[in-house]
Amino acid sequence: MSTITLTELYSLLTEKVGKETAQSLTSYIESKIEKEVEHNTKYLATREDLEKGFKEQSRWMLGVFITLSLMILGLYATILLK
C-alpha cells in the first residue's frame, strides 16, 4: 500500500473534480484523520497509570503469596500432626 500526502491528493483531485471540490475533500479527510488520531491517543496509558497499576498488581501478588503460604503451612501441619 502506497502512502500519499494531502498535497498530492489535492493535486490529483484538482485534475479530476475541480479546485473547490478537491479543497473541500482534502480538508474533510484531514479533519477526519486528526479526529481519529486524537481519539486514539486520548485513551493511552500515562506513566502514572502504569505505576499505579504496577503497585496495585504488586499488592495483589503479595496477598496471594501470603495466602498460599499459609494454606501450604496449614496442610503440612495437618499432615504432620496426624
PDB file of N, CA and C in Angstrom:
ATOM      1  N   MET A   1       0.841  -1.175   0.000  1.00  0.00           N
ATOM      2  CA  MET A   1       0.000   0.000   0.000  1.00  0.00           C
ATOM      3  C   MET A   1       0.885   1.237   0.000  1.00  0.00           C
ATOM      4  N   SER A   2       0.660   2.086  -0.956  1.00  0.00           N
ATOM      5  CA  SER A   2       1.493   3.281  -1.046  1.00  0.00           C
ATOM      6  C   SER A   2       0.883   4.425  -0.240  1.00  0.00           C
ATOM      7  N   THR A   3       1.739   5.297   0.241  1.00  0.00           N
ATOM      8  CA  THR A   3       1.317   6.439   1.037  1.00  0.00           C
ATOM      9  C   THR A   3       1.228   7.663   0.140  1.00  0.00           C
ATOM     10  N   ILE A   4       0.198   8.468   0.362  1.00  0.00           N
ATOM     11  CA  ILE A   4       0.030   9.681  -0.425  1.00  0.00           C
ATOM     12  C   ILE A   4      -0.196  10.840   0.544  1.00  0.00           C
ATOM     13  N   THR A   5       0.420  11.968   0.264  1.00  0.00           N
ATOM     14  CA  THR A   5       0.243  13.132   1.128  1.00  0.00           C
ATOM     15  C   THR A   5      -1.016  13.882   0.712  1.00  0.00           C
ATOM     16  N   LEU A   6      -1.454  14.788   1.591  1.00  0.00           N
ATOM     17  CA  LEU A   6      -2.642  15.574   1.272  1.00  0.00           C
ATOM     18  C   LEU A   6      -2.407  16.496   0.073  1.00  0.00           C
ATOM     19  N   THR A   7      -1.181  16.970  -0.066  1.00  0.00           N
ATOM     20  CA  THR A   7      -0.860  17.838  -1.197  1.00  0.00           C
ATOM     21  C   THR A   7      -0.963  17.073  -2.510  1.00  0.00           C
ATOM     22  N   GLU A   8      -0.435  15.852  -2.523  1.00  0.00           N
ATOM     23  CA  GLU A   8      -0.525  15.020  -3.720  1.00  0.00           C
ATOM     24  C   GLU A   8      -1.977  14.666  -4.024  1.00  0.00           C
ATOM     25  N   LEU A   9      -2.732  14.367  -2.979  1.00  0.00           N
ATOM     26  CA  LEU A   9      -4.146  14.054  -3.163  1.00  0.00           C
ATOM     27  C   LEU A   9      -4.887  15.253  -3.740  1.00  0.00           C
ATOM     28  N   TYR A  10      -4.578  16.434  -3.216  1.00  0.00           N
ATOM     29  CA  TYR A  10      -5.218  17.654  -3.709  1.00  0.00           C
ATOM     30  C   TYR A  10      -4.909  17.872  -5.195  1.00  0.00           C
ATOM     31  N   SER A  11      -3.657  17.698  -5.556  1.00  0.00           N
ATOM     32  CA  SER A  11      -3.295  17.915  -6.961  1.00  0.00           C
ATOM     33  C   SER A  11      -3.943  16.883  -7.877  1.00  0.00           C
ATOM     34  N   LEU A  12      -4.055  15.645  -7.423  1.00  0.00           N
ATOM     35  CA  LEU A  12      -4.727  14.624  -8.237  1.00  0.00           C
ATOM     36  C   LEU A  12      -6.225  14.897  -8.359  1.00  0.00           C
ATOM     37  N   LEU A  13      -6.820  15.320  -7.269  1.00  0.00           N
ATOM     38  CA  LEU A  13      -8.256  15.592  -7.310  1.00  0.00           C
ATOM     39  C   LEU A  13      -8.593  16.848  -8.108  1.00  0.00           C
ATOM     40  N   THR A  14      -7.696  17.846  -8.115  1.00  0.00           N
ATOM     41  CA  THR A  14      -7.966  19.075  -8.867  1.00  0.00           C
ATOM     42  C   THR A  14      -8.098  18.780 -10.344  1.00  0.00           C
ATOM     43  N   GLU A  15      -7.318  17.845 -10.834  1.00  0.00           N
ATOM     44  CA  GLU A  15      -7.395  17.486 -12.253  1.00  0.00           C
ATOM     45  C   GLU A  15      -8.736  16.827 -12.571  1.00  0.00           C
ATOM     46  N   LYS A  16      -9.283  16.068 -11.620  1.00  0.00           N
ATOM     47  CA  LYS A  16     -10.492  15.285 -11.894  1.00  0.00           C
ATOM     48  C   LYS A  16     -11.785  16.046 -11.584  1.00  0.00           C
ATOM     49  N   VAL A  17     -11.856  16.694 -10.404  1.00  0.00           N
ATOM     50  CA  VAL A  17     -13.146  17.225  -9.964  1.00  0.00           C
ATOM     51  C   VAL A  17     -13.177  18.739  -9.800  1.00  0.00           C
ATOM     52  N   GLY A  18     -12.091  19.399  -9.907  1.00  0.00           N
ATOM     53  CA  GLY A  18     -12.087  20.851  -9.760  1.00  0.00           C
ATOM     54  C   GLY A  18     -11.440  21.283  -8.455  1.00  0.00           C
ATOM     55  N   LYS A  19     -11.122  22.584  -8.428  1.00  0.00           N
ATOM     56  CA  LYS A  19     -10.347  23.114  -7.313  1.00  0.00           C
ATOM     57  C   LYS A  19     -11.144  23.151  -6.010  1.00  0.00           C
ATOM     58  N   GLU A  20     -12.380  23.636  -6.044  1.00  0.00           N
ATOM     59  CA  GLU A  20     -13.178  23.768  -4.827  1.00  0.00           C
ATOM     60  C   GLU A  20     -13.509  22.413  -4.211  1.00  0.00           C
ATOM     61  N   THR A  21     -13.930  21.492  -5.057  1.00  0.00           N
ATOM     62  CA  THR A  21     -14.277  20.157  -4.563  1.00  0.00           C
ATOM     63  C   THR A  21     -13.052  19.453  -4.004  1.00  0.00           C
ATOM     64  N   ALA A  22     -11.931  19.592  -4.676  1.00  0.00           N
ATOM     65  CA  ALA A  22     -10.700  18.978  -4.202  1.00  0.00           C
ATOM     66  C   ALA A  22     -10.294  19.555  -2.855  1.00  0.00           C
ATOM     67  N   GLN A  23     -10.426  20.871  -2.708  1.00  0.00           N
ATOM     68  CA  GLN A  23     -10.061  21.504  -1.445  1.00  0.00           C
ATOM     69  C   GLN A  23     -10.982  21.050  -0.328  1.00  0.00           C
ATOM     70  N   SER A  24     -12.274  20.968  -0.577  1.00  0.00           N
ATOM     71  CA  SER A  24     -13.203  20.528   0.472  1.00  0.00           C
ATOM     72  C   SER A  24     -12.987  19.062   0.820  1.00  0.00           C
ATOM     73  N   LEU A  25     -12.698  18.241  -0.165  1.00  0.00           N
ATOM     74  CA  LEU A  25     -12.426  16.822   0.115  1.00  0.00           C
ATOM     75  C   LEU A  25     -11.162  16.644   0.948  1.00  0.00           C
ATOM     76  N   THR A  26     -10.107  17.336   0.582  1.00  0.00           N
ATOM     77  CA  THR A  26      -8.859  17.187   1.344  1.00  0.00           C
ATOM     78  C   THR A  26      -8.995  17.749   2.749  1.00  0.00           C
ATOM     79  N   SER A  27      -9.720  18.847   2.913  1.00  0.00           N
ATOM     80  CA  SER A  27      -9.907  19.374   4.265  1.00  0.00           C
ATOM     81  C   SER A  27     -10.772  18.431   5.101  1.00  0.00           C
ATOM     82  N   TYR A  28     -11.765  17.805   4.479  1.00  0.00           N
ATOM     83  CA  TYR A  28     -12.586  16.821   5.186  1.00  0.00           C
ATOM     84  C   TYR A  28     -11.746  15.624   5.619  1.00  0.00           C
ATOM     85  N   ILE A  29     -10.934  15.120   4.723  1.00  0.00           N
ATOM     86  CA  ILE A  29     -10.078  13.963   5.037  1.00  0.00           C
ATOM     87  C   ILE A  29      -9.084  14.328   6.135  1.00  0.00           C
ATOM     88  N   GLU A  30      -8.517  15.524   6.054  1.00  0.00           N
ATOM     89  CA  GLU A  30      -7.563  15.961   7.073  1.00  0.00           C
ATOM     90  C   GLU A  30      -8.214  16.062   8.448  1.00  0.00           C
ATOM     91  N   SER A  31      -9.422  16.617   8.509  1.00  0.00           N
ATOM     92  CA  SER A  31     -10.110  16.724   9.805  1.00  0.00           C
ATOM     93  C   SER A  31     -10.483  15.346  10.339  1.00  0.00           C
ATOM     94  N   LYS A  32     -10.875  14.438   9.455  1.00  0.00           N
ATOM     95  CA  LYS A  32     -11.200  13.068   9.878  1.00  0.00           C
ATOM     96  C   LYS A  32      -9.974  12.378  10.469  1.00  0.00           C
ATOM     97  N   ILE A  33      -8.842  12.540   9.825  1.00  0.00           N
ATOM     98  CA  ILE A  33      -7.601  11.930  10.307  1.00  0.00           C
ATOM     99  C   ILE A  33      -7.212  12.516  11.652  1.00  0.00           C
ATOM    100  N   GLU A  34      -7.313  13.842  11.806  1.00  0.00           N
ATOM    101  CA  GLU A  34      -6.972  14.484  13.078  1.00  0.00           C
ATOM    102  C   GLU A  34      -7.882  13.997  14.201  1.00  0.00           C
ATOM    103  N   LYS A  35      -9.178  13.879  13.915  1.00  0.00           N
ATOM    104  CA  LYS A  35     -10.114  13.390  14.932  1.00  0.00           C
ATOM    105  C   LYS A  35      -9.787  11.954  15.333  1.00  0.00           C
ATOM    106  N   GLU A  36      -9.460  11.129  14.368  1.00  0.00           N
ATOM    107  CA  GLU A  36      -9.141   9.722  14.643  1.00  0.00           C
ATOM    108  C   GLU A  36      -7.868   9.599  15.477  1.00  0.00           C
ATOM    109  N   VAL A  37      -6.856  10.380  15.137  1.00  0.00           N
ATOM    110  CA  VAL A  37      -5.603  10.351  15.897  1.00  0.00           C
ATOM    111  C   VAL A  37      -5.838  10.853  17.315  1.00  0.00           C
ATOM    112  N   GLU A  38      -6.611  11.928  17.446  1.00  0.00           N
ATOM    113  CA  GLU A  38      -6.914  12.466  18.771  1.00  0.00           C
ATOM    114  C   GLU A  38      -7.694  11.452  19.604  1.00  0.00           C
ATOM    115  N   HIS A  39      -8.643  10.774  18.981  1.00  0.00           N
ATOM    116  CA  HIS A  39      -9.434   9.762  19.690  1.00  0.00           C
ATOM    117  C   HIS A  39      -8.556   8.593  20.140  1.00  0.00           C
ATOM    118  N   ASN A  40      -7.647   8.171  19.273  1.00  0.00           N
ATOM    119  CA  ASN A  40      -6.786   7.035  19.610  1.00  0.00           C
ATOM    120  C   ASN A  40      -5.775   7.376  20.696  1.00  0.00           C
ATOM    121  N   THR A  41      -5.260   8.600  20.702  1.00  0.00           N
ATOM    122  CA  THR A  41      -4.260   8.961  21.705  1.00  0.00           C
ATOM    123  C   THR A  41      -4.891   9.394  23.019  1.00  0.00           C
ATOM    124  N   LYS A  42      -6.185   9.645  23.020  1.00  0.00           N
ATOM    125  CA  LYS A  42      -6.863  10.091  24.238  1.00  0.00           C
ATOM    126  C   LYS A  42      -6.868   9.009  25.307  1.00  0.00           C
ATOM    127  N   TYR A  43      -6.928   7.766  24.916  1.00  0.00           N
ATOM    128  CA  TYR A  43      -7.066   6.671  25.869  1.00  0.00           C
ATOM    129  C   TYR A  43      -5.777   5.888  26.101  1.00  0.00           C
ATOM    130  N   LEU A  44      -4.647   6.449  25.748  1.00  0.00           N
ATOM    131  CA  LEU A  44      -3.372   5.791  26.015  1.00  0.00           C
ATOM    132  C   LEU A  44      -3.032   5.922  27.498  1.00  0.00           C
ATOM    133  N   ALA A  45      -2.379   4.901  28.024  1.00  0.00           N
ATOM    134  CA  ALA A  45      -1.996   4.928  29.436  1.00  0.00           C
ATOM    135  C   ALA A  45      -0.801   5.855  29.637  1.00  0.00           C
ATOM    136  N   THR A  46      -0.867   6.623  30.698  1.00  0.00           N
ATOM    137  CA  THR A  46       0.247   7.506  31.032  1.00  0.00           C
ATOM    138  C   THR A  46       1.194   6.773  31.987  1.00  0.00           C
ATOM    139  N   ARG A  47       2.320   7.385  32.265  1.00  0.00           N
ATOM    140  CA  ARG A  47       3.290   6.785  33.181  1.00  0.00           C
ATOM    141  C   ARG A  47       2.669   6.593  34.564  1.00  0.00           C
ATOM    142  N   GLU A  48       1.873   7.569  35.005  1.00  0.00           N
ATOM    143  CA  GLU A  48       1.238   7.469  36.320  1.00  0.00           C
ATOM    144  C   GLU A  48       0.254   6.297  36.364  1.00  0.00           C
ATOM    145  N   ASP A  49      -0.481   6.105  35.272  1.00  0.00           N
ATOM    146  CA  ASP A  49      -1.416   4.980  35.210  1.00  0.00           C
ATOM    147  C   ASP A  49      -0.674   3.650  35.317  1.00  0.00           C
ATOM    148  N   LEU A  50       0.443   3.554  34.621  1.00  0.00           N
ATOM    149  CA  LEU A  50       1.219   2.314  34.655  1.00  0.00           C
ATOM    150  C   LEU A  50       1.809   2.069  36.036  1.00  0.00           C
ATOM    151  N   GLU A  51       2.309   3.125  36.682  1.00  0.00           N
ATOM    152  CA  GLU A  51       2.870   2.970  38.030  1.00  0.00           C
ATOM    153  C   GLU A  51       1.787   2.560  39.017  1.00  0.00           C
ATOM    154  N   LYS A  52       0.622   3.164  38.907  1.00  0.00           N
ATOM    155  CA  LYS A  52      -0.492   2.823  39.790  1.00  0.00           C
ATOM    156  C   LYS A  52      -0.902   1.358  39.595  1.00  0.00           C
ATOM    157  N   GLY A  53      -0.980   0.932  38.339  1.00  0.00           N
ATOM    158  CA  GLY A  53      -1.325  -0.455  38.040  1.00  0.00           C
ATOM    159  C   GLY A  53      -0.287  -1.425  38.564  1.00  0.00           C
ATOM    160  N   PHE A  54       0.992  -1.058  38.454  1.00  0.00           N
ATOM    161  CA  PHE A  54       2.052  -1.931  38.945  1.00  0.00           C
ATOM    162  C   PHE A  54       1.987  -2.074  40.459  1.00  0.00           C
ATOM    163  N   LYS A  55       1.722  -0.962  41.167  1.00  0.00           N
ATOM    164  CA  LYS A  55       1.627  -1.015  42.630  1.00  0.00           C
ATOM    165  C   LYS A  55       0.440  -1.881  43.052  1.00  0.00           C
ATOM    166  N   GLU A  56      -0.672  -1.711  42.370  1.00  0.00           N
ATOM    167  CA  GLU A  56      -1.858  -2.498  42.709  1.00  0.00           C
ATOM    168  C   GLU A  56      -1.620  -3.981  42.432  1.00  0.00           C
ATOM    169  N   GLN A  57      -0.965  -4.284  41.325  1.00  0.00           N
ATOM    170  CA  GLN A  57      -0.664  -5.671  40.987  1.00  0.00           C
ATOM    171  C   GLN A  57       0.292  -6.276  42.015  1.00  0.00           C
ATOM    172  N   SER A  58       1.256  -5.497  42.466  1.00  0.00           N
ATOM    173  CA  SER A  58       2.211  -5.982  43.457  1.00  0.00           C
ATOM    174  C   SER A  58       1.511  -6.320  44.770  1.00  0.00           C
ATOM    175  N   ARG A  59       0.558  -5.484  45.170  1.00  0.00           N
ATOM    176  CA  ARG A  59      -0.197  -5.759  46.401  1.00  0.00           C
ATOM    177  C   ARG A  59      -0.996  -7.051  46.278  1.00  0.00           C
ATOM    178  N   TRP A  60      -1.639  -7.235  45.134  1.00  0.00           N
ATOM    179  CA  TRP A  60      -2.403  -8.459  44.926  1.00  0.00           C
ATOM    180  C   TRP A  60      -1.501  -9.693  44.949  1.00  0.00           C
ATOM    181  N   MET A  61      -0.346  -9.600  44.295  1.00  0.00           N
ATOM    182  CA  MET A  61       0.577 -10.734  44.262  1.00  0.00           C
ATOM    183  C   MET A  61       1.073 -11.067  45.662  1.00  0.00           C
ATOM    184  N   LEU A  62       1.369 -10.048  46.459  1.00  0.00           N
ATOM    185  CA  LEU A  62       1.816 -10.274  47.829  1.00  0.00           C
ATOM    186  C   LEU A  62       0.709 -10.933  48.647  1.00  0.00           C
ATOM    187  N   GLY A  63      -0.516 -10.460  48.491  1.00  0.00           N
ATOM    188  CA  GLY A  63      -1.645 -11.054  49.209  1.00  0.00           C
ATOM    189  C   GLY A  63      -1.871 -12.507  48.837  1.00  0.00           C
ATOM    190  N   VAL A  64      -1.792 -12.808  47.562  1.00  0.00           N
ATOM    191  CA  VAL A  64      -1.963 -14.196  47.108  1.00  0.00           C
ATOM    192  C   VAL A  64      -0.818 -15.063  47.616  1.00  0.00           C
ATOM    193  N   PHE A  65       0.413 -14.542  47.596  1.00  0.00           N
ATOM    194  CA  PHE A  65       1.566 -15.302  48.075  1.00  0.00           C
ATOM    195  C   PHE A  65       1.422 -15.645  49.554  1.00  0.00           C
ATOM    196  N   ILE A  66       1.023 -14.661  50.358  1.00  0.00           N
ATOM    197  CA  ILE A  66       0.866 -14.901  51.794  1.00  0.00           C
ATOM    198  C   ILE A  66      -0.246 -15.918  52.044  1.00  0.00           C
ATOM    199  N   THR A  67      -1.362 -15.771  51.330  1.00  0.00           N
ATOM    200  CA  THR A  67      -2.475 -16.708  51.493  1.00  0.00           C
ATOM    201  C   THR A  67      -2.060 -18.127  51.122  1.00  0.00           C
ATOM    202  N   LEU A  68      -1.382 -18.291  49.996  1.00  0.00           N
ATOM    203  CA  LEU A  68      -0.948 -19.632  49.580  1.00  0.00           C
ATOM    204  C   LEU A  68       0.074 -20.210  50.551  1.00  0.00           C
ATOM    205  N   SER A  69       0.965 -19.371  51.043  1.00  0.00           N
ATOM    206  CA  SER A  69       1.956 -19.853  52.014  1.00  0.00           C
ATOM    207  C   SER A  69       1.276 -20.361  53.273  1.00  0.00           C
ATOM    208  N   LEU A  70       0.289 -19.624  53.781  1.00  0.00           N
ATOM    209  CA  LEU A  70      -0.439 -20.069  54.968  1.00  0.00           C
ATOM    210  C   LEU A  70      -1.222 -21.353  54.703  1.00  0.00           C
ATOM    211  N   MET A  71      -1.783 -21.467  53.511  1.00  0.00           N
ATOM    212  CA  MET A  71      -2.509 -22.694  53.168  1.00  0.00           C
ATOM    213  C   MET A  71      -1.565 -23.893  53.140  1.00  0.00           C
ATOM    214  N   ILE A  72      -0.390 -23.724  52.533  1.00  0.00           N
ATOM    215  CA  ILE A  72       0.577 -24.828  52.454  1.00  0.00           C
ATOM    216  C   ILE A  72       1.073 -25.195  53.846  1.00  0.00           C
ATOM    217  N   LEU A  73       1.379 -24.190  54.661  1.00  0.00           N
ATOM    218  CA  LEU A  73       1.809 -24.473  56.032  1.00  0.00           C
ATOM    219  C   LEU A  73       0.703 -25.191  56.815  1.00  0.00           C
ATOM    220  N   GLY A  74      -0.539 -24.795  56.612  1.00  0.00           N
ATOM    221  CA  GLY A  74      -1.659 -25.465  57.270  1.00  0.00           C
ATOM    222  C   GLY A  74      -1.799 -26.909  56.831  1.00  0.00           C
ATOM    223  N   LEU A  75      -1.600 -27.180  55.554  1.00  0.00           N
ATOM    224  CA  LEU A  75      -1.663 -28.560  55.061  1.00  0.00           C
ATOM    225  C   LEU A  75      -0.526 -29.402  55.643  1.00  0.00           C
ATOM    226  N   TYR A  76       0.674 -28.851  55.674  1.00  0.00           N
ATOM    227  CA  TYR A  76       1.795 -29.573  56.276  1.00  0.00           C
ATOM    228  C   TYR A  76       1.532 -29.851  57.750  1.00  0.00           C
ATOM    229  N   ALA A  77       0.982 -28.876  58.450  1.00  0.00           N
ATOM    230  CA  ALA A  77       0.707 -29.043  59.870  1.00  0.00           C
ATOM    231  C   ALA A  77      -0.328 -30.131  60.098  1.00  0.00           C
ATOM    232  N   THR A  78      -1.368 -30.174  59.271  1.00  0.00           N
ATOM    233  CA  THR A  78      -2.392 -31.205  59.447  1.00  0.00           C
ATOM    234  C   THR A  78      -1.846 -32.587  59.119  1.00  0.00           C
ATOM    235  N   ILE A  79      -0.978 -32.674  58.140  1.00  0.00           N
ATOM    236  CA  ILE A  79      -0.399 -33.960  57.779  1.00  0.00           C
ATOM    237  C   ILE A  79       0.565 -34.433  58.882  1.00  0.00           C
ATOM    238  N   LEU A  80       1.404 -33.532  59.370  1.00  0.00           N
ATOM    239  CA  LEU A  80       2.400 -33.913  60.375  1.00  0.00           C
ATOM    240  C   LEU A  80       1.781 -34.173  61.758  1.00  0.00           C
ATOM    241  N   LEU A  81       0.667 -33.548  62.079  1.00  0.00           N
ATOM    242  CA  LEU A  81       0.068 -33.701  63.405  1.00  0.00           C
ATOM    243  C   LEU A  81      -0.898 -34.877  63.471  1.00  0.00           C
ATOM    244  N   LYS A  82      -1.091 -35.611  62.427  1.00  0.00           N
ATOM    245  CA  LYS A  82      -1.976 -36.783  62.437  1.00  0.00           C
ATOM    246  C   LYS A  82      -1.435 -37.894  63.281  1.00  0.00           C
TER     247      LYS A  82
END
